[in-house]
Amino acid sequence: MKTWDERYAQPGYKYGTAPNRFLTEQESRLAAGSRILLPGDGEGRNSVWLAGRGHQVLAVDNARTGLDKALALAAAQGATITTLNADLADWCPPTGTCAAVALIYVHLPSAFRAAAHRRLARALAPRGWLILECFHPRQIGYGSGGPRDPDMLNDLATLRGDFAPVLEEVVGWEGELTLDEGDGHRGPAFVTRYVGRMPAS
């Protein structure tokens, strides 16, 4: 199996250069110039778009080749992003420092998924937003992308269990839609969407 560094070393952008649609729909919740953390943002399509909207962005990924392409995309679009090469299995962001965390197709093994999700949620300042879209276990029956290991896929009940100790749920949805995100995500898909908010106190 190719590592993410090997995948991102291929020409082009595996998931395109346009932002995720759900993220663009939720961005209006964020104040101008928000500090946003994007774990697992790969080649940077979402972080660069948010930076272009005037936000302060930190893109975190364990694939250095992906982050290099994110920086190149930012430069090409006249945007500024900050990157960090780190592994979400054990990386712990500073608590209470972000206005938003965007988890877009970040699929983690169950061995550390819940703990990582809660660490990332606790990076939110009071009233901060967590925006998530991922593949549902039913995606196994679709050919539009995503892990082939059910352990890496999340239904809404799983995400609620991960985030309920930290966040208030604002949006929870699972269902079918059509993806058009580069060669990596294309066609009918079954996904899970979640938006949570850090309580005021």
C-alpha atoms as a PDB file:
ATOM      1  CA  MET A   1       0.000   0.000   0.000  1.00  0.00           C
ATOM      2  CA  LYS A   2       1.290   3.457  -0.875  1.00  0.00           C
ATOM      3  CA  THR A   3       1.965   5.897   1.922  1.00  0.00           C
ATOM      4  CA  TRP A   4       0.334   9.314   1.764  1.00  0.00           C
ATOM      5  CA  ASP A   5       3.721  10.823   0.941  1.00  0.00           C
ATOM      6  CA  GLU A   6       3.910   8.519  -2.084  1.00  0.00           C
ATOM      7  CA  ARG A   7       0.353   9.312  -3.159  1.00  0.00           C
ATOM      8  CA  TYR A   8       0.874  13.042  -2.948  1.00  0.00           C
ATOM      9  CA  ALA A   9       4.169  12.766  -4.823  1.00  0.00           C
ATOM     10  CA  GLN A  10       2.172  11.926  -7.957  1.00  0.00           C
ATOM     11  CA  PRO A  11       1.491  14.783 -10.428  1.00  0.00           C
ATOM     12  CA  GLY A  12      -1.617  16.882  -9.888  1.00  0.00           C
ATOM     13  CA  TYR A  13      -3.891  17.192  -6.879  1.00  0.00           C
ATOM     14  CA  LYS A  14      -5.578  13.925  -5.905  1.00  0.00           C
ATOM     15  CA  TYR A  15      -8.714  15.618  -4.546  1.00  0.00           C
ATOM     16  CA  GLY A  16      -8.578  18.676  -6.775  1.00  0.00           C
ATOM     17  CA  THR A  17      -7.866  22.237  -5.729  1.00  0.00           C
ATOM     18  CA  ALA A  18     -11.440  23.382  -4.999  1.00  0.00           C
ATOM     19  CA  PRO A  19     -12.661  23.304  -1.383  1.00  0.00           C
ATOM     20  CA  ASN A  20     -15.062  20.748   0.029  1.00  0.00           C
ATOM     21  CA  ARG A  21     -18.664  21.823  -0.563  1.00  0.00           C
ATOM     22  CA  PHE A  22     -19.875  21.204   2.998  1.00  0.00           C
ATOM     23  CA  LEU A  23     -17.022  23.303   4.355  1.00  0.00           C
ATOM     24  CA  THR A  24     -17.929  26.191   2.054  1.00  0.00           C
ATOM     25  CA  GLU A  25     -21.542  25.970   3.229  1.00  0.00           C
ATOM     26  CA  GLN A  26     -20.505  26.143   6.894  1.00  0.00           C
ATOM     27  CA  GLU A  27     -17.881  28.892   6.561  1.00  0.00           C
ATOM     28  CA  SER A  28     -20.504  31.595   7.105  1.00  0.00           C
ATOM     29  CA  ARG A  29     -20.631  30.540  10.780  1.00  0.00           C
ATOM     30  CA  LEU A  30     -17.079  31.829  11.245  1.00  0.00           C
ATOM     31  CA  ALA A  31     -16.108  35.374  12.162  1.00  0.00           C
ATOM     32  CA  ALA A  32     -13.846  37.269   9.768  1.00  0.00           C
ATOM     33  CA  GLY A  33     -10.181  36.450  10.257  1.00  0.00           C
ATOM     34  CA  SER A  34     -10.837  33.349  12.355  1.00  0.00           C
ATOM     35  CA  ARG A  35      -7.975  31.134  13.459  1.00  0.00           C
ATOM     36  CA  ILE A  36      -8.691  27.722  11.896  1.00  0.00           C
ATOM     37  CA  LEU A  37      -7.012  24.356  12.382  1.00  0.00           C
ATOM     38  CA  LEU A  38      -7.182  21.854   9.518  1.00  0.00           C
ATOM     39  CA  PRO A  39      -5.820  18.464  10.576  1.00  0.00           C
ATOM     40  CA  GLY A  40      -5.174  16.011   7.759  1.00  0.00           C
ATOM     41  CA  ASP A  41      -5.666  18.612   5.020  1.00  0.00           C
ATOM     42  CA  GLY A  42      -3.306  16.820   2.628  1.00  0.00           C
ATOM     43  CA  GLU A  43      -2.551  18.942  -0.424  1.00  0.00           C
ATOM     44  CA  GLY A  44      -4.252  21.992   1.023  1.00  0.00           C
ATOM     45  CA  ARG A  45      -7.399  22.594  -1.021  1.00  0.00           C
ATOM     46  CA  ASN A  46      -9.443  23.540   2.058  1.00  0.00           C
ATOM     47  CA  SER A  47      -6.793  25.451   3.980  1.00  0.00           C
ATOM     48  CA  VAL A  48      -5.870  27.535   0.927  1.00  0.00           C
ATOM     49  CA  TRP A  49      -9.513  28.391   0.254  1.00  0.00           C
ATOM     50  CA  LEU A  50     -10.069  29.459   3.869  1.00  0.00           C
ATOM     51  CA  ALA A  51      -6.884  31.544   3.819  1.00  0.00           C
ATOM     52  CA  GLY A  52      -8.135  33.194   0.643  1.00  0.00           C
ATOM     53  CA  ARG A  53     -11.282  34.111   2.574  1.00  0.00           C
ATOM     54  CA  GLY A  54      -9.102  35.985   5.079  1.00  0.00           C
ATOM     55  CA  HIS A  55      -8.796  33.388   7.826  1.00  0.00           C
ATOM     56  CA  GLN A  56      -5.618  32.450   9.719  1.00  0.00           C
ATOM     57  CA  VAL A  57      -4.967  28.831   8.810  1.00  0.00           C
ATOM     58  CA  LEU A  58      -2.808  26.037  10.221  1.00  0.00           C
ATOM     59  CA  ALA A  59      -2.757  22.908   8.032  1.00  0.00           C
ATOM     60  CA  VAL A  60      -1.467  19.800   9.812  1.00  0.00           C
ATOM     61  CA  ASP A  61      -0.567  16.560   8.032  1.00  0.00           C
ATOM     62  CA  ASN A  62       1.840  13.655   8.433  1.00  0.00           C
ATOM     63  CA  ALA A  63       2.673  13.721   4.702  1.00  0.00           C
ATOM     64  CA  ARG A  64       5.384  16.262   3.979  1.00  0.00           C
ATOM     65  CA  THR A  65       4.781  15.990   0.231  1.00  0.00           C
ATOM     66  CA  GLY A  66       1.160  16.994   0.759  1.00  0.00           C
ATOM     67  CA  LEU A  67       2.123  20.051   2.792  1.00  0.00           C
ATOM     68  CA  ASP A  68       4.658  21.089   0.150  1.00  0.00           C
ATOM     69  CA  LYS A  69       1.898  20.997  -2.470  1.00  0.00           C
ATOM     70  CA  ALA A  70      -0.377  22.941  -0.136  1.00  0.00           C
ATOM     71  CA  LEU A  71       2.227  25.688   0.133  1.00  0.00           C
ATOM     72  CA  ALA A  72       2.651  25.701  -3.649  1.00  0.00           C
ATOM     73  CA  LEU A  73      -1.120  25.983  -4.121  1.00  0.00           C
ATOM     74  CA  ALA A  74      -1.267  28.835  -1.613  1.00  0.00           C
ATOM     75  CA  ALA A  75       1.511  30.689  -3.421  1.00  0.00           C
ATOM     76  CA  ALA A  76      -0.224  30.203  -6.766  1.00  0.00           C
ATOM     77  CA  GLN A  77      -3.446  31.649  -5.363  1.00  0.00           C
ATOM     78  CA  GLY A  78      -1.831  34.491  -3.440  1.00  0.00           C
ATOM     79  CA  ALA A  79      -2.816  33.070  -0.058  1.00  0.00           C
ATOM     80  CA  THR A  80      -0.790  32.529   3.110  1.00  0.00           C
ATOM     81  CA  ILE A  81      -1.026  29.372   5.175  1.00  0.00           C
ATOM     82  CA  THR A  82       1.027  27.873   7.969  1.00  0.00           C
ATOM     83  CA  THR A  83       1.827  24.151   7.869  1.00  0.00           C
ATOM     84  CA  LEU A  84       2.898  21.597  10.453  1.00  0.00           C
ATOM     85  CA  ASN A  85       4.167  18.073   9.773  1.00  0.00           C
ATOM     86  CA  ALA A  86       2.702  15.968  12.613  1.00  0.00           C
ATOM     87  CA  ASP A  87       0.965  12.646  13.279  1.00  0.00           C
ATOM     88  CA  LEU A  88      -2.596  12.913  14.599  1.00  0.00           C
ATOM     89  CA  ALA A  89      -2.087   9.686  16.552  1.00  0.00           C
ATOM     90  CA  ASP A  90      -0.282  11.644  19.245  1.00  0.00           C
ATOM     91  CA  TRP A  91      -0.217  15.327  18.267  1.00  0.00           C
ATOM     92  CA  CYS A  92      -1.914  17.558  20.822  1.00  0.00           C
ATOM     93  CA  PRO A  93      -2.853  21.100  19.762  1.00  0.00           C
ATOM     94  CA  PRO A  94      -2.913  23.871  22.366  1.00  0.00           C
ATOM     95  CA  THR A  95      -6.215  23.953  24.235  1.00  0.00           C
ATOM     96  CA  GLY A  96      -8.714  26.736  23.574  1.00  0.00           C
ATOM     97  CA  THR A  97      -6.772  28.488  20.814  1.00  0.00           C
ATOM     98  CA  CYS A  98      -8.869  28.069  17.627  1.00  0.00           C
ATOM     99  CA  ALA A  99     -12.131  29.516  16.386  1.00  0.00           C
ATOM    100  CA  ALA A 100     -12.701  26.446  14.225  1.00  0.00           C
ATOM    101  CA  VAL A 101     -11.419  22.957  13.452  1.00  0.00           C
ATOM    102  CA  ALA A 102     -12.212  21.495  10.027  1.00  0.00           C
ATOM    103  CA  LEU A 103     -11.967  17.716   9.672  1.00  0.00           C
ATOM    104  CA  ILE A 104     -12.656  16.942   6.025  1.00  0.00           C
ATOM    105  CA  TYR A 105     -12.232  13.276   5.101  1.00  0.00           C
ATOM    106  CA  VAL A 106      -9.830  12.602   7.953  1.00  0.00           C
ATOM    107  CA  HIS A 107     -10.210   8.875   8.657  1.00  0.00           C
ATOM    108  CA  LEU A 108      -8.440   7.580  11.749  1.00  0.00           C
ATOM    109  CA  PRO A 109      -8.138   4.026  13.145  1.00  0.00           C
ATOM    110  CA  SER A 110     -10.480   3.247  16.025  1.00  0.00           C
ATOM    111  CA  ALA A 111      -7.449   2.521  18.217  1.00  0.00           C
ATOM    112  CA  PHE A 112      -6.909   6.256  18.693  1.00  0.00           C
ATOM    113  CA  ARG A 113      -9.744   7.980  16.813  1.00  0.00           C
ATOM    114  CA  ALA A 114     -11.877   9.013  19.800  1.00  0.00           C
ATOM    115  CA  ALA A 115      -8.903  10.330  21.767  1.00  0.00           C
ATOM    116  CA  ALA A 116      -7.616  12.277  18.752  1.00  0.00           C
ATOM    117  CA  HIS A 117     -11.064  13.717  18.040  1.00  0.00           C
ATOM    118  CA  ARG A 118     -11.390  14.956  21.610  1.00  0.00           C
ATOM    119  CA  ARG A 119      -7.901  16.479  21.612  1.00  0.00           C
ATOM    120  CA  LEU A 120      -8.777  18.364  18.430  1.00  0.00           C
ATOM    121  CA  ALA A 121     -12.145  19.483  19.792  1.00  0.00           C
ATOM    122  CA  ARG A 122     -10.474  20.857  22.921  1.00  0.00           C
ATOM    123  CA  ALA A 123      -8.361  23.111  20.709  1.00  0.00           C
ATOM    124  CA  LEU A 124     -11.517  25.188  20.232  1.00  0.00           C
ATOM    125  CA  ALA A 125     -12.030  28.422  22.104  1.00  0.00           C
ATOM    126  CA  PRO A 126     -15.445  28.968  23.728  1.00  0.00           C
ATOM    127  CA  ARG A 127     -18.180  29.071  21.036  1.00  0.00           C
ATOM    128  CA  GLY A 128     -15.719  27.653  18.487  1.00  0.00           C
ATOM    129  CA  TRP A 129     -16.899  25.394  15.675  1.00  0.00           C
ATOM    130  CA  LEU A 130     -15.919  21.889  14.607  1.00  0.00           C
ATOM    131  CA  ILE A 131     -16.897  21.073  11.010  1.00  0.00           C
ATOM    132  CA  LEU A 132     -16.582  17.469   9.830  1.00  0.00           C
ATOM    133  CA  GLU A 133     -17.384  15.424   6.743  1.00  0.00           C
ATOM    134  CA  CYS A 134     -16.235  11.820   6.357  1.00  0.00           C
ATOM    135  CA  PHE A 135     -17.182   8.555   4.730  1.00  0.00           C
ATOM    136  CA  HIS A 136     -19.852   6.420   6.389  1.00  0.00           C
ATOM    137  CA  PRO A 137     -19.430   2.618   6.792  1.00  0.00           C
ATOM    138  CA  ARG A 138     -21.899   2.180   3.920  1.00  0.00           C
ATOM    139  CA  GLN A 139     -19.294   3.802   1.626  1.00  0.00           C
ATOM    140  CA  ILE A 140     -17.733   0.316   1.362  1.00  0.00           C
ATOM    141  CA  GLY A 141     -20.393  -0.413  -1.273  1.00  0.00           C
ATOM    142  CA  TYR A 142     -19.476   2.635  -3.367  1.00  0.00           C
ATOM    143  CA  GLY A 143     -16.582   3.213  -5.751  1.00  0.00           C
ATOM    144  CA  SER A 144     -16.129   6.954  -5.230  1.00  0.00           C
ATOM    145  CA  GLY A 145     -13.183   6.881  -2.830  1.00  0.00           C
ATOM    146  CA  GLY A 146     -12.323   6.443   0.799  1.00  0.00           C
ATOM    147  CA  PRO A 147     -10.717   3.723   2.917  1.00  0.00           C
ATOM    148  CA  ARG A 148     -11.685   0.119   2.216  1.00  0.00           C
ATOM    149  CA  ASP A 149     -11.301  -0.714   5.920  1.00  0.00           C
ATOM    150  CA  PRO A 150     -14.604  -0.382   7.862  1.00  0.00           C
ATOM    151  CA  ASP A 151     -12.578   0.452  10.981  1.00  0.00           C
ATOM    152  CA  MET A 152     -11.660   3.795   9.377  1.00  0.00           C
ATOM    153  CA  LEU A 153     -15.257   4.808   8.548  1.00  0.00           C
ATOM    154  CA  ASN A 154     -17.638   6.636  10.884  1.00  0.00           C
ATOM    155  CA  ASP A 155     -21.390   6.751  11.256  1.00  0.00           C
ATOM    156  CA  LEU A 156     -23.148   9.559  13.121  1.00  0.00           C
ATOM    157  CA  ALA A 157     -23.515   7.530  16.313  1.00  0.00           C
ATOM    158  CA  THR A 158     -19.746   7.005  16.460  1.00  0.00           C
ATOM    159  CA  LEU A 159     -19.026  10.707  16.003  1.00  0.00           C
ATOM    160  CA  ARG A 160     -21.590  11.632  18.631  1.00  0.00           C
ATOM    161  CA  GLY A 161     -19.853   9.294  21.051  1.00  0.00           C
ATOM    162  CA  ASP A 162     -16.487  10.899  20.290  1.00  0.00           C
ATOM    163  CA  PHE A 163     -17.556  14.525  20.576  1.00  0.00           C
ATOM    164  CA  ALA A 164     -20.473  14.545  23.051  1.00  0.00           C
ATOM    165  CA  PRO A 165     -18.180  14.915  26.096  1.00  0.00           C
ATOM    166  CA  VAL A 166     -16.761  18.135  24.626  1.00  0.00           C
ATOM    167  CA  LEU A 167     -19.128  19.737  22.084  1.00  0.00           C
ATOM    168  CA  GLU A 168     -22.772  20.647  21.601  1.00  0.00           C
ATOM    169  CA  GLU A 169     -24.124  19.132  18.380  1.00  0.00           C
ATOM    170  CA  VAL A 170     -25.480  21.626  15.859  1.00  0.00           C
ATOM    171  CA  VAL A 171     -25.651  19.497  12.689  1.00  0.00           C
ATOM    172  CA  GLY A 172     -25.753  15.712  12.394  1.00  0.00           C
ATOM    173  CA  TRP A 173     -26.506  13.989   9.094  1.00  0.00           C
ATOM    174  CA  GLU A 174     -25.661  10.819   7.197  1.00  0.00           C
ATOM    175  CA  GLY A 175     -26.758  10.015   3.669  1.00  0.00           C
ATOM    176  CA  GLU A 176     -25.960   9.799  -0.015  1.00  0.00           C
ATOM    177  CA  LEU A 177     -24.618  12.587  -2.192  1.00  0.00           C
ATOM    178  CA  THR A 178     -22.474  12.979  -5.304  1.00  0.00           C
ATOM    179  CA  LEU A 179     -18.823  13.962  -4.960  1.00  0.00           C
ATOM    180  CA  ASP A 180     -16.715  15.792  -7.518  1.00  0.00           C
ATOM    181  CA  GLU A 181     -13.382  16.330  -5.765  1.00  0.00           C
ATOM    182  CA  GLY A 182     -10.587  15.472  -8.165  1.00  0.00           C
ATOM    183  CA  ASP A 183      -9.884  11.871  -9.113  1.00  0.00           C
ATOM    184  CA  GLY A 184      -9.903  10.791  -5.465  1.00  0.00           C
ATOM    185  CA  HIS A 185     -13.552  11.513  -4.659  1.00  0.00           C
ATOM    186  CA  ARG A 186     -15.867  11.234  -7.619  1.00  0.00           C
ATOM    187  CA  GLY A 187     -19.379   9.876  -7.986  1.00  0.00           C
ATOM    188  CA  PRO A 188     -22.187   8.775  -5.658  1.00  0.00           C
ATOM    189  CA  ALA A 189     -21.024   8.407  -2.052  1.00  0.00           C
ATOM    190  CA  PHE A 190     -22.401   7.769   1.429  1.00  0.00           C
ATOM    191  CA  VAL A 191     -21.087  10.268   3.960  1.00  0.00           C
ATOM    192  CA  THR A 192     -21.486  11.524   7.499  1.00  0.00           C
ATOM    193  CA  ARG A 193     -21.619  15.218   8.374  1.00  0.00           C
ATOM    194  CA  TYR A 194     -21.269  16.755  11.813  1.00  0.00           C
ATOM    195  CA  VAL A 195     -21.003  20.276  13.180  1.00  0.00           C
ATOM    196  CA  GLY A 196     -20.368  20.809  16.869  1.00  0.00           C
ATOM    197  CA  ARG A 197     -19.794  23.882  19.001  1.00  0.00           C
ATOM    198  CA  MET A 198     -17.704  24.411  22.107  1.00  0.00           C
ATOM    199  CA  PRO A 199     -19.919  25.652  24.957  1.00  0.00           C
ATOM    200  CA  ALA A 200     -19.494  29.253  26.056  1.00  0.00           C
ATOM    201  CA  SER A 201     -18.057  28.175  29.390  1.00  0.00           C
END
